N, C-alpha and C. Protein backbone atom coordinates (compact mmCIF):
# COMPACT_ATOMS: atom_id res chain seq x y z
N MET A 1 31.74 29.33 72.91
CA MET A 1 30.32 29.44 73.14
C MET A 1 29.90 28.37 74.13
N PRO A 2 29.36 28.83 75.25
CA PRO A 2 28.96 27.86 76.27
C PRO A 2 27.66 27.16 75.89
N VAL A 3 27.55 25.91 76.27
CA VAL A 3 26.36 25.11 75.99
C VAL A 3 25.54 25.05 77.26
N ALA A 4 24.25 25.36 77.11
CA ALA A 4 23.37 25.34 78.27
C ALA A 4 23.08 23.90 78.65
N PRO A 5 23.02 23.61 79.97
CA PRO A 5 22.73 22.24 80.39
C PRO A 5 21.29 21.87 80.04
N VAL A 6 21.13 20.62 79.68
CA VAL A 6 19.81 20.11 79.30
C VAL A 6 19.22 19.42 80.51
N GLY A 7 17.94 19.68 80.71
CA GLY A 7 17.28 19.08 81.85
C GLY A 7 17.07 17.58 81.63
N ALA A 8 16.77 16.90 82.68
CA ALA A 8 16.55 15.45 82.61
C ALA A 8 15.25 15.18 81.87
N ALA A 9 15.26 14.11 81.13
CA ALA A 9 14.06 13.73 80.38
C ALA A 9 13.05 13.12 81.31
N ALA A 10 11.79 13.33 80.99
CA ALA A 10 10.74 12.75 81.81
C ALA A 10 10.73 11.25 81.60
N PRO A 11 10.45 10.50 82.64
CA PRO A 11 10.43 9.05 82.48
C PRO A 11 9.31 8.63 81.52
N ALA A 12 9.60 7.62 80.71
CA ALA A 12 8.63 7.14 79.72
C ALA A 12 7.50 6.41 80.42
N LEU A 13 6.31 6.64 79.94
CA LEU A 13 5.15 5.96 80.49
C LEU A 13 5.10 4.55 79.91
N PRO A 14 4.67 3.61 80.69
CA PRO A 14 4.57 2.25 80.14
C PRO A 14 3.49 2.21 79.06
N ALA A 15 3.81 1.51 77.95
CA ALA A 15 2.87 1.42 76.83
C ALA A 15 1.75 0.46 77.19
N ALA A 16 0.56 0.86 76.84
CA ALA A 16 -0.58 0.00 77.10
C ALA A 16 -0.60 -1.11 76.05
N ALA A 17 -0.96 -2.28 76.43
CA ALA A 17 -1.03 -3.41 75.50
C ALA A 17 -2.32 -3.31 74.70
N VAL A 18 -2.20 -2.74 73.49
CA VAL A 18 -3.37 -2.57 72.63
C VAL A 18 -3.09 -3.30 71.32
N ALA A 19 -4.01 -4.10 70.88
CA ALA A 19 -3.85 -4.81 69.61
C ALA A 19 -4.12 -3.84 68.46
N PRO A 20 -3.28 -3.84 67.42
CA PRO A 20 -3.51 -2.93 66.29
C PRO A 20 -4.80 -3.30 65.57
N GLN A 21 -5.52 -2.26 65.17
CA GLN A 21 -6.80 -2.50 64.50
C GLN A 21 -6.61 -2.93 63.05
N GLN A 22 -5.62 -2.36 62.35
CA GLN A 22 -5.35 -2.77 60.98
C GLN A 22 -3.87 -2.57 60.70
N SER A 23 -3.40 -3.18 59.66
CA SER A 23 -1.97 -3.10 59.36
C SER A 23 -1.61 -1.71 58.86
N PHE A 24 -0.32 -1.41 58.93
CA PHE A 24 0.17 -0.11 58.49
C PHE A 24 -0.07 0.09 56.99
N ALA A 25 0.12 -0.97 56.20
CA ALA A 25 -0.09 -0.87 54.76
C ALA A 25 -1.54 -0.52 54.43
N LYS A 26 -2.47 -1.12 55.17
CA LYS A 26 -3.88 -0.82 54.92
C LYS A 26 -4.20 0.61 55.31
N THR A 27 -3.58 1.10 56.37
CA THR A 27 -3.79 2.48 56.78
C THR A 27 -3.29 3.43 55.70
N LEU A 28 -2.12 3.13 55.13
CA LEU A 28 -1.58 3.97 54.05
C LEU A 28 -2.49 3.95 52.82
N GLU A 29 -2.98 2.77 52.47
CA GLU A 29 -3.87 2.66 51.31
C GLU A 29 -5.15 3.47 51.53
N ALA A 30 -5.68 3.43 52.75
CA ALA A 30 -6.91 4.16 53.04
C ALA A 30 -6.68 5.66 52.95
N ARG A 31 -5.52 6.14 53.37
CA ARG A 31 -5.23 7.58 53.32
C ARG A 31 -4.93 8.04 51.90
N ALA A 32 -4.32 7.16 51.09
CA ALA A 32 -3.92 7.55 49.73
C ALA A 32 -5.11 7.53 48.78
N GLY A 33 -6.14 6.82 49.11
CA GLY A 33 -7.29 6.73 48.22
C GLY A 33 -7.10 5.56 47.26
N PRO A 34 -8.03 5.40 46.36
CA PRO A 34 -7.95 4.26 45.43
C PRO A 34 -6.76 4.42 44.49
N ALA A 35 -6.23 3.30 44.07
CA ALA A 35 -5.09 3.30 43.14
C ALA A 35 -5.56 3.86 41.80
N PRO A 36 -4.69 4.58 41.10
CA PRO A 36 -5.09 5.11 39.80
C PRO A 36 -5.40 3.98 38.84
N ALA A 37 -6.40 4.21 38.04
CA ALA A 37 -6.81 3.18 37.08
C ALA A 37 -5.74 3.02 36.01
N ALA A 38 -5.51 1.79 35.64
CA ALA A 38 -4.52 1.51 34.59
C ALA A 38 -5.07 2.02 33.26
N PRO A 39 -4.21 2.53 32.40
CA PRO A 39 -4.70 2.99 31.11
C PRO A 39 -5.27 1.81 30.33
N PRO A 40 -6.29 2.05 29.53
CA PRO A 40 -6.89 0.94 28.78
C PRO A 40 -5.87 0.34 27.82
N ALA A 41 -5.92 -0.96 27.71
CA ALA A 41 -4.99 -1.64 26.82
C ALA A 41 -5.30 -1.28 25.37
N ARG A 42 -4.26 -0.93 24.65
CA ARG A 42 -4.44 -0.57 23.25
C ARG A 42 -4.49 -1.84 22.41
N GLU A 43 -5.46 -1.88 21.55
CA GLU A 43 -5.55 -3.01 20.64
C GLU A 43 -4.50 -2.83 19.56
N PRO A 44 -3.93 -3.93 19.09
CA PRO A 44 -2.95 -3.78 18.01
C PRO A 44 -3.63 -3.19 16.77
N ALA A 45 -2.89 -2.34 16.09
CA ALA A 45 -3.44 -1.68 14.92
C ALA A 45 -3.76 -2.72 13.84
N ARG A 46 -4.93 -2.57 13.26
CA ARG A 46 -5.32 -3.46 12.19
C ARG A 46 -4.59 -3.05 10.92
N PRO A 47 -4.11 -4.02 10.17
CA PRO A 47 -3.39 -3.65 8.96
C PRO A 47 -4.32 -3.00 7.94
N THR A 48 -3.78 -2.07 7.20
CA THR A 48 -4.56 -1.42 6.16
C THR A 48 -4.77 -2.39 5.01
N ALA A 49 -5.63 -2.00 4.09
CA ALA A 49 -5.91 -2.86 2.95
C ALA A 49 -4.65 -3.09 2.12
N GLY A 50 -3.85 -2.04 1.97
CA GLY A 50 -2.62 -2.17 1.19
C GLY A 50 -1.63 -3.12 1.86
N ALA A 51 -1.50 -2.99 3.19
CA ALA A 51 -0.58 -3.87 3.92
C ALA A 51 -1.07 -5.32 3.88
N ALA A 52 -2.39 -5.50 3.96
CA ALA A 52 -2.94 -6.86 3.89
C ALA A 52 -2.70 -7.46 2.52
N ALA A 53 -2.85 -6.65 1.46
CA ALA A 53 -2.62 -7.15 0.11
C ALA A 53 -1.16 -7.53 -0.09
N LEU A 54 -0.25 -6.69 0.43
CA LEU A 54 1.17 -7.01 0.31
C LEU A 54 1.52 -8.27 1.08
N ALA A 55 0.92 -8.45 2.24
CA ALA A 55 1.17 -9.66 3.03
C ALA A 55 0.66 -10.89 2.28
N ALA A 56 -0.49 -10.76 1.62
CA ALA A 56 -1.03 -11.88 0.85
C ALA A 56 -0.11 -12.23 -0.32
N VAL A 57 0.44 -11.21 -0.97
CA VAL A 57 1.36 -11.46 -2.08
C VAL A 57 2.62 -12.16 -1.57
N GLU A 58 3.12 -11.72 -0.43
CA GLU A 58 4.32 -12.36 0.14
C GLU A 58 4.05 -13.82 0.50
N ARG A 59 2.87 -14.10 1.07
CA ARG A 59 2.53 -15.48 1.41
C ARG A 59 2.43 -16.33 0.14
N ALA A 60 1.81 -15.79 -0.90
CA ALA A 60 1.67 -16.53 -2.15
C ALA A 60 3.04 -16.78 -2.77
N GLN A 61 3.92 -15.79 -2.72
CA GLN A 61 5.26 -15.97 -3.27
C GLN A 61 6.02 -17.05 -2.50
N ALA A 62 5.89 -17.05 -1.18
CA ALA A 62 6.55 -18.08 -0.37
C ALA A 62 6.00 -19.46 -0.71
N ARG A 63 4.69 -19.55 -0.91
CA ARG A 63 4.07 -20.84 -1.26
C ARG A 63 4.56 -21.31 -2.62
N LEU A 64 4.60 -20.41 -3.60
CA LEU A 64 5.07 -20.79 -4.94
C LEU A 64 6.54 -21.21 -4.89
N ASP A 65 7.34 -20.50 -4.11
CA ASP A 65 8.75 -20.88 -3.97
C ASP A 65 8.88 -22.27 -3.36
N ALA A 66 8.05 -22.57 -2.36
CA ALA A 66 8.10 -23.88 -1.72
C ALA A 66 7.70 -24.98 -2.71
N VAL A 67 6.68 -24.71 -3.52
CA VAL A 67 6.24 -25.71 -4.50
C VAL A 67 7.32 -25.93 -5.55
N LEU A 68 7.95 -24.84 -6.02
CA LEU A 68 9.02 -24.99 -7.01
C LEU A 68 10.21 -25.75 -6.43
N THR A 69 10.53 -25.51 -5.18
CA THR A 69 11.62 -26.25 -4.53
C THR A 69 11.27 -27.73 -4.44
N ALA A 70 10.02 -28.03 -4.10
CA ALA A 70 9.59 -29.43 -4.02
C ALA A 70 9.64 -30.09 -5.40
N ALA A 71 9.24 -29.35 -6.44
CA ALA A 71 9.27 -29.90 -7.80
C ALA A 71 10.71 -30.17 -8.24
N ARG A 72 11.62 -29.27 -7.89
CA ARG A 72 13.03 -29.47 -8.26
C ARG A 72 13.64 -30.67 -7.55
N SER A 73 13.13 -30.98 -6.37
CA SER A 73 13.67 -32.11 -5.62
C SER A 73 13.08 -33.44 -6.07
N GLY A 74 12.17 -33.42 -7.04
CA GLY A 74 11.66 -34.65 -7.61
C GLY A 74 10.24 -35.00 -7.23
N ARG A 75 9.56 -34.17 -6.51
CA ARG A 75 8.18 -34.47 -6.12
C ARG A 75 7.27 -34.33 -7.34
N THR A 76 6.33 -35.23 -7.46
CA THR A 76 5.33 -35.14 -8.53
C THR A 76 4.03 -34.66 -7.93
N PHE A 77 3.27 -33.91 -8.71
CA PHE A 77 2.02 -33.33 -8.24
C PHE A 77 0.86 -33.94 -9.02
N THR A 78 -0.28 -34.01 -8.36
CA THR A 78 -1.48 -34.49 -9.04
C THR A 78 -2.05 -33.36 -9.88
N ALA A 79 -2.96 -33.72 -10.76
CA ALA A 79 -3.59 -32.71 -11.61
C ALA A 79 -4.35 -31.69 -10.76
N GLN A 80 -4.96 -32.15 -9.69
CA GLN A 80 -5.71 -31.25 -8.80
C GLN A 80 -4.76 -30.26 -8.13
N GLU A 81 -3.60 -30.71 -7.68
CA GLU A 81 -2.63 -29.82 -7.05
C GLU A 81 -2.10 -28.80 -8.04
N LEU A 82 -1.82 -29.25 -9.27
CA LEU A 82 -1.32 -28.33 -10.29
C LEU A 82 -2.36 -27.29 -10.66
N LEU A 83 -3.63 -27.69 -10.74
CA LEU A 83 -4.69 -26.74 -11.05
C LEU A 83 -4.83 -25.71 -9.93
N GLY A 84 -4.75 -26.15 -8.69
CA GLY A 84 -4.80 -25.23 -7.55
C GLY A 84 -3.63 -24.27 -7.56
N LEU A 85 -2.45 -24.78 -7.91
CA LEU A 85 -1.26 -23.94 -8.01
C LEU A 85 -1.41 -22.89 -9.10
N GLN A 86 -1.98 -23.30 -10.23
CA GLN A 86 -2.21 -22.36 -11.32
C GLN A 86 -3.18 -21.26 -10.91
N ALA A 87 -4.25 -21.63 -10.21
CA ALA A 87 -5.23 -20.63 -9.76
C ALA A 87 -4.60 -19.66 -8.76
N GLU A 88 -3.77 -20.19 -7.87
CA GLU A 88 -3.10 -19.33 -6.89
C GLU A 88 -2.13 -18.37 -7.58
N ALA A 89 -1.39 -18.88 -8.55
CA ALA A 89 -0.46 -18.02 -9.29
C ALA A 89 -1.22 -16.93 -10.04
N TYR A 90 -2.36 -17.28 -10.63
CA TYR A 90 -3.16 -16.30 -11.36
C TYR A 90 -3.66 -15.20 -10.42
N ARG A 91 -4.16 -15.59 -9.25
CA ARG A 91 -4.63 -14.59 -8.28
C ARG A 91 -3.50 -13.66 -7.85
N THR A 92 -2.33 -14.24 -7.64
CA THR A 92 -1.18 -13.43 -7.23
C THR A 92 -0.79 -12.44 -8.32
N VAL A 93 -0.77 -12.89 -9.56
CA VAL A 93 -0.43 -12.00 -10.68
C VAL A 93 -1.45 -10.88 -10.78
N GLN A 94 -2.73 -11.19 -10.61
CA GLN A 94 -3.77 -10.16 -10.68
C GLN A 94 -3.61 -9.14 -9.56
N THR A 95 -3.28 -9.60 -8.37
CA THR A 95 -3.10 -8.69 -7.23
C THR A 95 -1.90 -7.77 -7.45
N VAL A 96 -0.80 -8.33 -7.94
CA VAL A 96 0.39 -7.52 -8.21
C VAL A 96 0.10 -6.51 -9.31
N ASP A 97 -0.61 -6.93 -10.35
CA ASP A 97 -0.94 -6.03 -11.45
C ASP A 97 -1.82 -4.87 -10.96
N LEU A 98 -2.81 -5.17 -10.14
CA LEU A 98 -3.67 -4.12 -9.59
C LEU A 98 -2.88 -3.17 -8.71
N ALA A 99 -1.99 -3.70 -7.89
CA ALA A 99 -1.18 -2.84 -7.02
C ALA A 99 -0.29 -1.93 -7.86
N ALA A 100 0.28 -2.46 -8.94
CA ALA A 100 1.13 -1.64 -9.80
C ALA A 100 0.33 -0.51 -10.44
N LYS A 101 -0.89 -0.80 -10.86
CA LYS A 101 -1.74 0.24 -11.46
C LYS A 101 -2.09 1.32 -10.43
N LEU A 102 -2.39 0.90 -9.21
CA LEU A 102 -2.73 1.87 -8.16
C LEU A 102 -1.54 2.77 -7.84
N VAL A 103 -0.36 2.19 -7.76
CA VAL A 103 0.84 2.99 -7.48
C VAL A 103 1.10 3.96 -8.62
N GLU A 104 0.92 3.50 -9.85
CA GLU A 104 1.14 4.37 -11.01
C GLU A 104 0.16 5.53 -11.01
N GLN A 105 -1.12 5.27 -10.71
CA GLN A 105 -2.11 6.35 -10.67
C GLN A 105 -1.80 7.32 -9.53
N GLY A 106 -1.38 6.81 -8.40
CA GLY A 106 -1.01 7.69 -7.29
C GLY A 106 0.17 8.57 -7.64
N ALA A 107 1.16 8.00 -8.31
CA ALA A 107 2.32 8.79 -8.72
C ALA A 107 1.92 9.86 -9.73
N GLN A 108 1.03 9.53 -10.64
CA GLN A 108 0.55 10.51 -11.62
C GLN A 108 -0.21 11.64 -10.94
N ALA A 109 -1.01 11.31 -9.93
CA ALA A 109 -1.77 12.34 -9.21
C ALA A 109 -0.83 13.29 -8.48
N VAL A 110 0.21 12.75 -7.85
CA VAL A 110 1.18 13.60 -7.15
C VAL A 110 1.92 14.47 -8.15
N LYS A 111 2.31 13.89 -9.26
CA LYS A 111 3.03 14.64 -10.30
C LYS A 111 2.16 15.78 -10.83
N GLN A 112 0.89 15.51 -11.06
CA GLN A 112 -0.02 16.53 -11.56
C GLN A 112 -0.22 17.62 -10.51
N ALA A 113 -0.33 17.25 -9.25
CA ALA A 113 -0.52 18.24 -8.19
C ALA A 113 0.71 19.14 -8.06
N LEU A 114 1.89 18.59 -8.25
CA LEU A 114 3.10 19.39 -8.15
C LEU A 114 3.27 20.33 -9.35
N ASN A 115 2.74 19.95 -10.49
CA ASN A 115 2.86 20.78 -11.68
C ASN A 115 1.79 21.86 -11.74
N THR A 116 0.76 21.76 -10.91
CA THR A 116 -0.32 22.74 -10.91
C THR A 116 0.18 24.04 -10.28
N GLN A 117 -0.03 25.14 -10.99
CA GLN A 117 0.38 26.44 -10.46
C GLN A 117 -0.77 27.02 -9.65
N LEU A 118 -0.43 27.56 -8.53
CA LEU A 118 -1.45 28.15 -7.65
C LEU A 118 -1.60 29.61 -7.91
């Protein structure tokens, strides 16, 4: 297959010395339009009442464990510290007791719903 001869290219015209009006990046940004808005930041989920109660029980247990460890190592406590410890232990016991009752009632409700014939 014969190749046709190509004609001579036209001589290039000298480029005029023109200062660019704006940078290439700015030209691209102007053509693309505004950048898409970032999605709103999600706030961390607030713990539920049950999760907060469990966290409080865990903190109280850790505190009681620390006090017992200190007592075993020979530390003596003042009457005020012992009274505060007793009050904290009482609150923790009450919270655990209430949580146990709520779980028991929830389990009974589920059991009753499953036994109900439709």
